[in-house]
Amino acid sequence: MKHLTANRICAGMLSLALAAGNLTPAFTVQAADKVNLPDWIPSNYEEALEFRNNFGHVYIWEGLLCVQYDLNRPLEFDTNGPRYEVLATKGVMEEVASFTFEEETVLTEEEPKYGGQSDRIFKTVVYKPVAAGKFETALADRMLKGGGESVFDDGMTHTIAHYDFIVNEELEITETDIFSWLPDCNTEYERYVSDYGKASAHGEYMVICLSEAAGTPYTWKEKETNPEWESVSDCSYVYAQPVGGGRMAYIYLYRAKEDGPVDIVWEFVQSFGDAEPTETIEGNYIALDGGKTILSPNRTCIRLINADTLKLIDLAELGEYPCITTDVAYYNEQFKEQGGDGWIYTGPVYLIEGNPMILGQTFTSFFSADRFSFSFSSGSPCAREISEKRKITKYDNGSYEVDMYIQTDIMGDLNRDNEFSIADLVCLQRWLLGDQYVLDPPVPAEIDDPIVIDDPVAVSKTAADNPYSYDLMRWRCGDFNNDYRLDARDLTLMKQALMKL
């Protein structure tokens, strides 16, 4: 267990100050005896400051959730009680520790404004999950709410900081609010810029990252743009006391007003004067789906559309591991001179994890390859792309929009009456006994038993000279063991599936 001590104020002076009501203790501890706290949880002001710069306000590790809030003076609002209150959902997480950390500074003639205390205070709360469910925690400020003892009665709808989480059945914690991806500290900011650049997109947001040294005669200015400003995240490095020349970093979020091209431009210019900018950050975006999908340059948006309803298809209908498979080839004379045929081949597979899904620069670069094709694939024999309906749009910023129309059938529905029943069992049984005319059109007599079902790519390529290929696709709905064959084993599995209905 960690034991926290006030290192720089003797016990007598601290007690006297508290009794007089003039000083908040350097820390407070509540319920700290419930767990042995790991070392990454702050135990003093310096560690709290380091936590703030490395993790921001939230960190999840070792089965615990640590939330750290920034407080300002005064900590007491009036005689009715404290200025701040931490709110939390009941029954999902248990509060196991709560600390308030503030740095004591020595009062000198050169620094009379601090009055012996710094302005930055940290409120650190540690939670442990106890049940599955949604969990929210927030900080309310009575001074901003106008006071009153009922200021917190409306829950968390009027708070100055608010974080959302999900706890699953295994008591694993996942953050679900915007800060699950949006940086709110300097370390996260640097990592985000390294991964995505200073102009990027995330879901429905256009993201612009700006940084500068404080105290210089230069500043960032935004040129006229057409999106709506949404919010800003302050990722500046936090110091115990104000310093000159510190590094400032901010992330600006925008939303699109309408679909189409969106341009955002920031310039780093002299605060006064007409000198040319020393740096320019420009975001060239394409807004789609009513502004809900944003494409930054050299990205590809892939939508999977239900061929019947013309709406985005539910990924649950696509079976296990739906993916985009690729076939890419580049020709180079140098490869031919080295004894090959001059071609180099690749073909990465992209697992579909959302709909729509944004694929990055690598996939988008394949459109300029000498040969490039891609197709939909999944573990379900009843989901296939109608390739002739595919629509591809290229935009001026180098991004692409791809609509793929997916036909889904009911497993076991061989007679196409939109239900799985005993009639489908009879259909398969008749075919296995030699009745070729259960298909429409019938399978030519030279097709041997058992039938071997081509994969979707091969079927689509031979559809022009293979009049029964579409029916082979339909018959894949009877391939219960997914071995691309229809035989007696599928009949047995179909009987078992019918018995479970």
Protein backbone atom coordinates (compact mmCIF):
# COMPACT_ATOMS: atom_id res chain seq x y z
CA MET A 1 0.00 0.00 0.00
CA LYS A 2 1.18 3.51 -0.72
CA HIS A 3 1.48 5.87 2.21
CA LEU A 4 1.22 9.56 1.26
CA THR A 5 2.85 12.23 3.41
CA ALA A 6 2.98 16.01 3.28
CA ASN A 7 6.71 16.40 2.89
CA ARG A 8 7.25 20.12 3.13
CA ILE A 9 4.75 21.31 5.73
CA CYS A 10 5.12 20.24 9.32
CA ALA A 11 2.10 18.59 10.92
CA GLY A 12 1.49 21.42 13.36
CA MET A 13 1.47 24.16 10.72
CA LEU A 14 -0.77 22.09 8.46
CA SER A 15 -3.32 21.48 11.21
CA LEU A 16 -3.33 25.15 12.16
CA ALA A 17 -3.85 26.25 8.55
CA LEU A 18 -6.69 23.82 8.06
CA ALA A 19 -8.38 24.88 11.28
CA ALA A 20 -8.26 28.50 10.13
CA GLY A 21 -9.81 27.54 6.79
CA ASN A 22 -7.04 29.22 4.81
CA LEU A 23 -5.35 26.23 3.12
CA THR A 24 -6.40 23.07 1.36
CA PRO A 25 -4.28 20.08 2.40
CA ALA A 26 -1.52 19.05 0.01
CA PHE A 27 -3.50 15.86 -0.58
CA THR A 28 -6.56 14.05 0.64
CA VAL A 29 -7.08 10.29 0.63
CA GLN A 30 -10.41 8.48 0.62
CA ALA A 31 -10.82 4.69 0.72
CA ALA A 32 -7.17 4.10 -0.17
CA ASP A 33 -7.11 0.94 1.93
CA LYS A 34 -9.30 -1.00 -0.54
CA VAL A 35 -6.50 -1.87 -2.96
CA ASN A 36 -2.76 -1.90 -3.18
CA LEU A 37 -2.27 0.85 -5.73
CA PRO A 38 0.24 0.22 -8.54
CA ASP A 39 3.20 2.53 -9.02
CA TRP A 40 1.79 4.29 -12.12
CA ILE A 41 -0.95 5.94 -10.05
CA PRO A 42 0.32 9.31 -8.76
CA SER A 43 1.28 9.52 -5.11
CA ASN A 44 2.47 13.14 -5.01
CA TYR A 45 2.22 16.38 -6.96
CA GLU A 46 5.25 15.73 -9.16
CA GLU A 47 3.89 12.32 -10.21
CA ALA A 48 0.46 13.86 -10.85
CA LEU A 49 2.10 16.45 -13.11
CA GLU A 50 3.97 13.71 -14.97
CA PHE A 51 0.73 11.71 -15.32
CA ARG A 52 -0.98 14.79 -16.82
CA ASN A 53 1.75 15.28 -19.45
CA ASN A 54 2.00 11.61 -20.43
CA PHE A 55 -1.58 10.34 -20.23
CA GLY A 56 -3.82 13.39 -20.15
CA HIS A 57 -6.88 12.99 -17.97
CA VAL A 58 -7.60 9.27 -18.34
CA TYR A 59 -5.50 6.12 -18.17
CA ILE A 60 -6.60 2.47 -18.02
CA TRP A 61 -4.10 -0.16 -16.90
CA GLU A 62 -3.89 -3.28 -14.76
CA GLY A 63 -7.68 -3.48 -14.41
CA LEU A 64 -7.98 0.02 -12.94
CA LEU A 65 -9.26 3.34 -14.28
CA CYS A 66 -7.48 6.51 -13.18
CA VAL A 67 -9.16 9.85 -13.95
CA GLN A 68 -7.34 13.08 -13.16
CA TYR A 69 -9.07 16.46 -13.23
CA ASP A 70 -7.52 19.95 -13.30
CA LEU A 71 -8.88 22.19 -10.54
CA ASN A 72 -8.57 25.96 -10.08
CA ARG A 73 -8.72 28.12 -7.01
CA PRO A 74 -10.67 28.74 -4.92
CA LEU A 75 -11.47 25.17 -3.92
CA GLU A 76 -14.26 26.37 -1.62
CA PHE A 77 -17.20 28.09 -3.30
CA ASP A 78 -18.97 29.44 -0.21
CA THR A 79 -19.91 28.38 3.28
CA ASN A 80 -22.21 25.72 1.82
CA GLY A 81 -19.38 23.47 0.72
CA PRO A 82 -16.65 22.75 -1.82
CA ARG A 83 -16.56 24.26 -5.28
CA TYR A 84 -15.95 20.98 -7.14
CA GLU A 85 -17.70 17.64 -7.00
CA VAL A 86 -16.81 14.42 -8.85
CA LEU A 87 -19.87 12.55 -10.14
CA ALA A 88 -19.95 8.88 -11.17
CA THR A 89 -22.37 6.16 -12.25
CA LYS A 90 -23.33 3.84 -9.42
CA GLY A 91 -23.01 0.06 -9.48
CA VAL A 92 -20.55 -0.40 -12.37
CA MET A 93 -17.29 0.82 -10.84
CA GLU A 94 -16.19 1.20 -7.28
CA GLU A 95 -14.10 4.19 -6.20
CA VAL A 96 -11.03 2.77 -4.48
CA ALA A 97 -8.98 5.91 -3.94
CA SER A 98 -9.26 9.68 -4.27
CA PHE A 99 -6.43 12.23 -3.98
CA THR A 100 -6.06 15.99 -4.25
CA PHE A 101 -2.52 17.09 -5.12
CA GLU A 102 -1.23 20.66 -5.05
CA GLU A 103 2.28 22.04 -5.10
CA GLU A 104 3.39 24.17 -2.17
CA THR A 105 5.60 27.08 -3.16
CA VAL A 106 7.74 29.25 -0.91
CA LEU A 107 6.36 32.76 -0.53
CA THR A 108 8.99 35.35 -1.50
CA GLU A 109 8.99 39.07 -2.16
CA GLU A 110 9.57 38.32 -5.85
CA GLU A 111 6.55 36.00 -6.03
CA PRO A 112 3.91 37.48 -3.72
CA LYS A 113 1.03 36.64 -6.09
CA TYR A 114 1.06 32.93 -5.30
CA GLY A 115 0.50 33.39 -1.61
CA GLY A 116 2.44 30.22 -0.84
CA GLN A 117 0.39 28.03 -3.20
CA SER A 118 0.34 27.26 -6.93
CA ASP A 119 -2.73 27.76 -9.08
CA ARG A 120 -2.71 24.24 -10.57
CA ILE A 121 -4.31 21.48 -8.53
CA PHE A 122 -5.00 17.87 -9.52
CA LYS A 123 -7.94 15.75 -8.41
CA THR A 124 -7.09 12.08 -9.00
CA VAL A 125 -9.72 9.36 -8.65
CA VAL A 126 -9.12 5.61 -9.05
CA TYR A 127 -11.91 3.20 -9.95
CA LYS A 128 -12.18 -0.59 -10.03
CA PRO A 129 -14.85 -2.34 -12.15
CA VAL A 130 -17.36 -4.49 -10.26
CA ALA A 131 -20.07 -5.15 -12.89
CA ALA A 132 -20.65 -4.96 -16.63
CA GLY A 133 -22.34 -1.83 -17.97
CA LYS A 134 -21.89 1.78 -19.00
CA PHE A 135 -19.91 4.03 -16.69
CA GLU A 136 -19.67 7.81 -16.64
CA THR A 137 -17.62 10.11 -14.47
CA ALA A 138 -17.57 13.89 -14.55
CA LEU A 139 -16.47 17.01 -12.70
CA ALA A 140 -18.99 19.68 -11.73
CA ASP A 141 -18.00 23.25 -10.82
CA ARG A 142 -20.51 25.05 -8.59
CA MET A 143 -18.93 28.41 -9.36
CA LEU A 144 -19.75 28.06 -13.06
CA LYS A 145 -23.26 26.80 -12.28
CA GLY A 146 -24.19 29.77 -10.13
CA GLY A 147 -24.05 27.88 -6.85
CA GLY A 148 -26.98 26.32 -5.08
CA GLU A 149 -27.12 22.99 -3.31
CA SER A 150 -29.21 21.38 -6.10
CA VAL A 151 -26.71 22.19 -8.80
CA PHE A 152 -25.76 18.51 -9.26
CA ASP A 153 -29.29 17.10 -9.17
CA ASP A 154 -29.53 16.89 -12.97
CA GLY A 155 -26.78 14.27 -13.16
CA MET A 156 -23.92 14.91 -15.55
CA THR A 157 -25.54 17.08 -18.20
CA HIS A 158 -23.91 20.33 -17.06
CA THR A 159 -20.35 19.43 -16.17
CA ILE A 160 -16.97 20.88 -17.19
CA ALA A 161 -15.29 17.50 -17.85
CA HIS A 162 -17.06 14.28 -18.75
CA TYR A 163 -15.77 10.79 -19.65
CA ASP A 164 -17.64 7.66 -20.80
CA PHE A 165 -16.67 3.99 -20.56
CA ILE A 166 -17.95 0.46 -21.15
CA VAL A 167 -17.20 -2.44 -18.81
CA ASN A 168 -17.70 -5.88 -20.41
CA GLU A 169 -18.54 -9.19 -18.76
CA GLU A 170 -14.82 -9.88 -18.19
CA LEU A 171 -14.64 -6.52 -16.35
CA GLU A 172 -12.41 -5.04 -19.05
CA ILE A 173 -12.65 -1.24 -19.32
CA THR A 174 -12.91 0.60 -22.65
CA GLU A 175 -13.18 4.36 -23.03
CA THR A 176 -15.98 5.34 -25.44
CA ASP A 177 -15.94 9.14 -25.47
CA ILE A 178 -14.08 11.31 -28.00
CA PHE A 179 -10.87 11.20 -25.94
CA SER A 180 -10.58 7.49 -26.67
CA TRP A 181 -8.73 8.71 -29.80
CA LEU A 182 -8.36 12.51 -29.41
CA PRO A 183 -5.10 13.49 -27.66
CA ASP A 184 -5.35 15.70 -24.57
CA CYS A 185 -1.70 15.86 -23.49
CA ASN A 186 1.67 16.56 -25.07
CA THR A 187 2.87 12.96 -25.34
CA GLU A 188 -0.32 11.83 -27.07
CA TYR A 189 -0.16 14.88 -29.36
CA GLU A 190 3.36 14.05 -30.57
CA ARG A 191 2.39 10.43 -31.17
CA TYR A 192 -0.75 11.42 -33.09
CA VAL A 193 1.13 13.85 -35.36
CA SER A 194 3.79 11.19 -36.02
CA ASP A 195 1.11 8.66 -37.03
CA TYR A 196 -1.35 10.84 -38.96
CA GLY A 197 0.32 14.17 -39.75
CA LYS A 198 -0.82 17.68 -38.88
CA ALA A 199 -3.92 17.50 -41.12
CA SER A 200 -5.96 14.30 -40.90
CA ALA A 201 -9.49 12.96 -40.51
CA HIS A 202 -11.20 10.72 -37.97
CA GLY A 203 -14.77 9.61 -38.64
CA GLU A 204 -16.85 12.75 -39.06
CA TYR A 205 -14.08 15.07 -37.84
CA MET A 206 -11.43 17.01 -39.74
CA VAL A 207 -8.38 17.28 -37.49
CA ILE A 208 -5.77 20.08 -37.56
CA CYS A 209 -2.75 19.92 -35.20
CA LEU A 210 -0.89 23.15 -34.36
CA SER A 211 2.12 23.75 -32.13
CA GLU A 212 4.37 26.71 -31.37
CA ALA A 213 6.82 28.03 -28.82
CA ALA A 214 5.27 30.43 -26.34
CA GLY A 215 6.56 33.98 -26.19
CA THR A 216 7.62 34.29 -29.86
CA PRO A 217 6.33 37.07 -32.18
CA TYR A 218 4.64 34.46 -34.38
CA THR A 219 1.21 32.92 -34.18
CA TRP A 220 -1.13 30.60 -36.08
CA LYS A 221 -3.91 32.29 -38.04
CA GLU A 222 -6.73 30.53 -39.83
CA LYS A 223 -7.64 31.57 -43.35
CA GLU A 224 -11.28 31.67 -44.41
CA THR A 225 -12.69 28.14 -44.50
CA ASN A 226 -16.07 26.57 -45.17
CA PRO A 227 -16.43 23.92 -42.40
CA GLU A 228 -17.91 24.45 -38.96
CA TRP A 229 -15.51 24.67 -36.03
CA GLU A 230 -16.37 22.00 -33.47
CA SER A 231 -13.94 22.11 -30.52
CA VAL A 232 -10.31 22.32 -29.48
CA SER A 233 -8.13 20.06 -27.35
CA ASP A 234 -5.31 21.74 -25.42
CA CYS A 235 -2.29 19.42 -25.57
CA SER A 236 0.28 21.94 -24.32
CA TYR A 237 2.98 20.78 -21.95
CA VAL A 238 1.92 21.47 -18.37
CA TYR A 239 4.39 23.04 -15.93
CA ALA A 240 4.13 23.42 -12.17
CA GLN A 241 4.50 27.19 -12.56
CA PRO A 242 4.09 29.48 -15.59
CA VAL A 243 7.27 29.57 -17.68
CA GLY A 244 8.41 31.51 -20.70
CA GLY A 245 9.16 29.67 -23.93
CA GLY A 246 7.08 26.60 -23.16
CA ARG A 247 5.71 24.45 -25.98
CA MET A 248 2.06 25.02 -26.86
CA ALA A 249 0.05 22.45 -28.82
CA TYR A 250 -3.60 22.42 -29.84
CA ILE A 251 -5.86 20.17 -31.90
CA TYR A 252 -8.78 21.79 -33.72
CA LEU A 253 -11.77 19.70 -34.78
CA TYR A 254 -14.15 20.65 -37.59
CA ARG A 255 -17.33 19.23 -39.10
CA ALA A 256 -18.51 19.64 -42.68
CA LYS A 257 -21.58 21.74 -43.36
CA GLU A 258 -22.44 19.71 -46.45
CA ASP A 259 -21.06 17.03 -48.74
CA GLY A 260 -18.29 17.92 -51.17
CA PRO A 261 -14.76 19.39 -51.04
CA VAL A 262 -13.67 21.07 -47.79
CA ASP A 263 -10.46 23.10 -47.45
CA ILE A 264 -8.92 24.21 -44.13
CA VAL A 265 -5.79 26.39 -44.14
CA TRP A 266 -3.70 27.65 -41.21
CA GLU A 267 -0.62 29.87 -41.59
CA PHE A 268 2.17 30.58 -39.11
CA VAL A 269 2.75 34.32 -39.43
CA GLN A 270 4.17 37.27 -37.52
CA SER A 271 1.77 38.58 -34.93
CA PHE A 272 2.15 42.03 -36.45
CA GLY A 273 3.10 42.86 -40.03
CA ASP A 274 2.57 41.41 -43.49
CA ALA A 275 5.50 39.00 -43.75
CA GLU A 276 5.01 35.76 -45.64
CA PRO A 277 4.01 32.77 -43.49
CA THR A 278 6.87 30.57 -42.36
CA GLU A 279 4.68 27.43 -42.34
CA THR A 280 1.33 26.44 -43.81
CA ILE A 281 -0.89 23.53 -42.80
CA GLU A 282 -3.57 22.69 -45.32
CA GLY A 283 -6.28 20.06 -45.11
CA ASN A 284 -8.03 19.09 -48.34
CA TYR A 285 -11.00 16.88 -47.55
CA ILE A 286 -14.02 15.30 -49.17
CA ALA A 287 -17.20 15.12 -47.05
CA LEU A 288 -19.57 12.21 -47.73
CA ASP A 289 -22.76 10.77 -46.22
CA GLY A 290 -24.10 14.12 -45.06
CA GLY A 291 -20.74 15.02 -43.51
CA LYS A 292 -20.60 11.82 -41.44
CA THR A 293 -17.65 10.43 -43.43
CA ILE A 294 -14.54 12.51 -44.13
CA LEU A 295 -11.90 11.53 -46.68
CA SER A 296 -8.47 13.08 -46.35
CA PRO A 297 -6.09 12.90 -49.35
CA ASN A 298 -5.10 9.47 -50.69
CA ARG A 299 -7.69 7.54 -48.71
CA THR A 300 -10.42 5.18 -49.92
CA CYS A 301 -13.92 4.93 -48.49
CA ILE A 302 -15.53 1.52 -49.07
CA ARG A 303 -19.24 1.05 -48.47
CA LEU A 304 -20.97 -2.31 -48.45
CA ILE A 305 -24.55 -1.77 -49.62
CA ASN A 306 -27.38 -4.26 -49.34
CA ALA A 307 -28.36 -4.99 -52.95
CA ASP A 308 -32.05 -5.34 -51.99
CA THR A 309 -32.59 -2.44 -49.57
CA LEU A 310 -29.83 -0.15 -50.95
CA LYS A 311 -28.83 0.64 -47.36
CA LEU A 312 -25.53 -0.01 -45.61
CA ILE A 313 -25.43 -3.69 -44.81
CA ASP A 314 -25.13 -4.95 -41.25
CA LEU A 315 -21.74 -6.63 -40.87
CA ALA A 316 -23.44 -9.38 -38.86
CA GLU A 317 -25.05 -10.57 -42.11
CA LEU A 318 -21.67 -11.23 -43.72
CA GLY A 319 -20.47 -14.17 -41.66
CA GLU A 320 -17.03 -14.47 -40.09
CA TYR A 321 -14.08 -12.41 -41.24
CA PRO A 322 -15.56 -10.34 -44.09
CA CYS A 323 -12.67 -8.83 -46.02
CA ILE A 324 -11.44 -7.13 -49.17
CA THR A 325 -8.96 -9.26 -51.10
CA THR A 326 -6.65 -7.62 -53.63
CA ASP A 327 -4.67 -8.66 -56.69
CA VAL A 328 -1.93 -6.15 -57.55
CA ALA A 329 0.83 -6.32 -60.14
CA TYR A 330 3.59 -3.93 -61.26
CA TYR A 331 5.67 -4.33 -64.42
CA ASN A 332 9.34 -3.41 -64.53
CA GLU A 333 11.82 -4.20 -67.28
CA GLN A 334 14.53 -4.62 -64.67
CA PHE A 335 12.69 -7.63 -63.25
CA LYS A 336 12.62 -9.14 -66.73
CA GLU A 337 16.33 -8.61 -67.20
CA GLN A 338 16.91 -10.55 -63.99
CA GLY A 339 15.26 -13.60 -65.51
CA GLY A 340 11.63 -13.10 -64.54
CA ASP A 341 8.59 -12.16 -66.58
CA GLY A 342 8.91 -8.50 -65.62
CA TRP A 343 6.06 -8.56 -63.13
CA ILE A 344 6.02 -8.28 -59.36
CA TYR A 345 2.87 -9.30 -57.54
CA THR A 346 1.25 -8.54 -54.21
CA GLY A 347 -2.21 -8.92 -52.74
CA PRO A 348 -2.85 -7.86 -49.14
CA VAL A 349 -6.17 -8.73 -47.50
CA TYR A 350 -8.08 -6.04 -45.56
CA LEU A 351 -10.42 -7.21 -42.80
CA ILE A 352 -13.70 -5.27 -42.86
CA GLU A 353 -14.17 -3.82 -39.38
CA GLY A 354 -16.71 -1.08 -40.11
CA ASN A 355 -19.19 0.07 -42.71
CA PRO A 356 -18.25 2.41 -44.24
CA MET A 357 -14.55 1.65 -43.86
CA ILE A 358 -11.64 3.99 -44.62
CA LEU A 359 -8.55 2.38 -46.15
CA GLY A 360 -5.24 4.23 -46.13
CA GLN A 361 -2.58 5.32 -48.56
CA THR A 362 -1.25 1.82 -49.30
CA PHE A 363 -4.58 0.53 -50.61
CA THR A 364 -5.28 3.78 -52.47
CA SER A 365 -1.89 3.64 -54.20
CA PHE A 366 -2.91 0.33 -55.83
CA PHE A 367 -5.27 2.22 -58.15
CA SER A 368 -2.19 3.46 -60.00
CA ALA A 369 -0.66 -0.04 -60.29
CA ASP A 370 -0.23 -1.63 -63.72
CA ARG A 371 -2.85 -4.21 -62.78
CA PHE A 372 -5.25 -3.95 -59.86
CA SER A 373 -8.45 -5.74 -58.89
CA PHE A 374 -10.18 -6.34 -55.59
CA SER A 375 -13.19 -8.30 -54.40
CA PHE A 376 -15.41 -8.94 -51.39
CA SER A 377 -15.04 -12.19 -49.48
CA SER A 378 -16.44 -13.60 -46.25
CA GLY A 379 -16.97 -16.81 -44.31
CA SER A 380 -20.63 -16.89 -45.32
CA PRO A 381 -21.48 -18.78 -48.53
CA CYS A 382 -24.67 -16.69 -48.74
CA ALA A 383 -23.04 -13.25 -49.07
CA ARG A 384 -21.56 -12.16 -52.38
CA GLU A 385 -20.88 -8.97 -54.31
CA ILE A 386 -22.82 -8.17 -57.47
CA SER A 387 -19.71 -6.91 -59.19
CA GLU A 388 -21.46 -5.35 -62.19
CA LYS A 389 -23.12 -2.83 -59.85
CA ARG A 390 -19.87 -1.66 -58.28
CA LYS A 391 -19.34 2.11 -58.42
CA ILE A 392 -15.95 3.85 -58.07
CA THR A 393 -15.51 7.64 -57.82
CA LYS A 394 -12.15 9.43 -57.81
CA TYR A 395 -11.77 12.90 -56.25
CA ASP A 396 -9.33 15.74 -56.88
CA ASN A 397 -7.54 15.22 -53.57
CA GLY A 398 -6.50 11.71 -54.66
CA SER A 399 -9.13 9.89 -52.61
CA TYR A 400 -11.62 7.29 -53.84
CA GLU A 401 -15.19 6.34 -53.00
CA VAL A 402 -16.17 2.70 -53.65
CA ASP A 403 -19.72 1.32 -53.38
CA MET A 404 -19.94 -2.48 -53.38
CA TYR A 405 -23.42 -4.05 -53.62
CA ILE A 406 -23.77 -7.21 -51.54
CA GLN A 407 -26.44 -9.84 -52.09
CA THR A 408 -27.26 -11.91 -49.02
CA ASP A 409 -29.32 -15.11 -49.03
CA ILE A 410 -30.73 -17.30 -46.28
CA MET A 411 -28.55 -20.28 -45.43
CA GLY A 412 -30.26 -23.41 -46.75
CA ASP A 413 -32.76 -21.55 -48.99
CA LEU A 414 -32.16 -23.51 -52.19
CA ASN A 415 -35.58 -22.96 -53.81
CA ARG A 416 -35.42 -19.16 -53.32
CA ASP A 417 -38.69 -18.73 -51.43
CA ASN A 418 -36.90 -16.56 -48.82
CA GLU A 419 -37.15 -19.12 -46.03
CA PHE A 420 -35.31 -22.24 -44.91
CA SER A 421 -37.72 -25.17 -44.66
CA ILE A 422 -38.28 -28.85 -45.41
CA ALA A 423 -38.84 -27.89 -49.07
CA ASP A 424 -35.15 -27.00 -49.35
CA LEU A 425 -34.18 -30.37 -47.87
CA VAL A 426 -36.32 -32.10 -50.51
CA CYS A 427 -34.70 -29.96 -53.21
CA LEU A 428 -31.18 -31.00 -52.21
CA GLN A 429 -32.19 -34.65 -51.77
CA ARG A 430 -33.76 -34.80 -55.24
CA TRP A 431 -30.64 -33.31 -56.79
CA LEU A 432 -28.38 -35.80 -55.01
CA LEU A 433 -30.59 -38.62 -56.34
CA GLY A 434 -30.01 -37.44 -59.92
CA ASP A 435 -32.82 -35.00 -60.62
CA GLN A 436 -30.94 -32.31 -62.58
CA TYR A 437 -34.10 -30.25 -63.15
CA VAL A 438 -34.46 -28.94 -59.63
CA LEU A 439 -32.30 -26.05 -60.86
CA ASP A 440 -33.72 -23.33 -63.08
CA PRO A 441 -32.17 -23.34 -65.63
CA PRO A 442 -31.19 -27.00 -65.28
CA VAL A 443 -27.60 -28.11 -64.89
CA PRO A 444 -26.34 -29.70 -68.14
CA ALA A 445 -26.18 -33.48 -68.00
CA GLU A 446 -22.40 -33.54 -68.25
CA ILE A 447 -22.08 -31.96 -64.78
CA ASP A 448 -20.96 -34.79 -62.53
CA ASP A 449 -22.12 -35.54 -59.02
CA PRO A 450 -21.12 -34.17 -56.56
CA ILE A 451 -21.20 -30.62 -57.87
CA VAL A 452 -18.13 -28.50 -57.16
CA ILE A 453 -19.07 -24.90 -56.44
CA ASP A 454 -16.72 -22.31 -57.92
CA ASP A 455 -15.59 -19.46 -55.73
CA PRO A 456 -17.36 -16.09 -56.33
CA VAL A 457 -14.46 -14.57 -58.29
CA ALA A 458 -14.24 -17.48 -60.72
CA VAL A 459 -18.02 -17.56 -61.17
CA SER A 460 -18.24 -13.85 -61.98
CA LYS A 461 -15.46 -14.16 -64.58
CA THR A 462 -17.17 -17.07 -66.36
CA ALA A 463 -20.76 -15.86 -66.06
CA ALA A 464 -20.94 -14.77 -69.71
CA ASP A 465 -20.38 -18.30 -71.06
CA ASN A 466 -21.72 -20.26 -68.07
CA PRO A 467 -25.52 -19.81 -67.98
CA TYR A 468 -25.98 -21.69 -64.71
CA SER A 469 -23.25 -19.88 -62.75
CA TYR A 470 -25.75 -17.70 -60.87
CA ASP A 471 -27.50 -20.85 -59.70
CA LEU A 472 -24.19 -22.26 -58.51
CA MET A 473 -23.92 -19.16 -56.35
CA ARG A 474 -27.41 -19.83 -55.08
CA TRP A 475 -26.53 -23.45 -54.34
CA ARG A 476 -23.67 -22.34 -52.15
CA CYS A 477 -26.40 -21.67 -49.55
CA GLY A 478 -26.60 -25.46 -49.19
CA ASP A 479 -22.87 -25.86 -48.60
CA PHE A 480 -23.23 -26.27 -44.83
CA ASN A 481 -19.67 -27.49 -44.22
CA ASN A 482 -18.25 -24.77 -46.50
CA ASP A 483 -16.05 -27.11 -48.57
CA TYR A 484 -17.27 -25.75 -51.93
CA ARG A 485 -19.06 -29.07 -52.67
CA LEU A 486 -22.64 -30.28 -52.37
CA ASP A 487 -22.92 -33.87 -51.22
CA ALA A 488 -24.50 -36.14 -48.62
CA ARG A 489 -22.62 -34.47 -45.77
CA ASP A 490 -24.41 -31.20 -46.49
CA LEU A 491 -27.74 -33.06 -46.52
CA THR A 492 -27.02 -34.41 -43.04
CA LEU A 493 -26.06 -30.98 -41.71
CA MET A 494 -29.16 -29.47 -43.31
CA LYS A 495 -31.38 -32.01 -41.46
CA GLN A 496 -29.67 -31.10 -38.18
CA ALA A 497 -30.19 -27.37 -38.84
CA LEU A 498 -33.90 -27.91 -39.58
CA MET A 499 -34.36 -29.83 -36.33
CA LYS A 500 -33.08 -26.78 -34.40
CA LEU A 501 -35.66 -24.42 -35.91
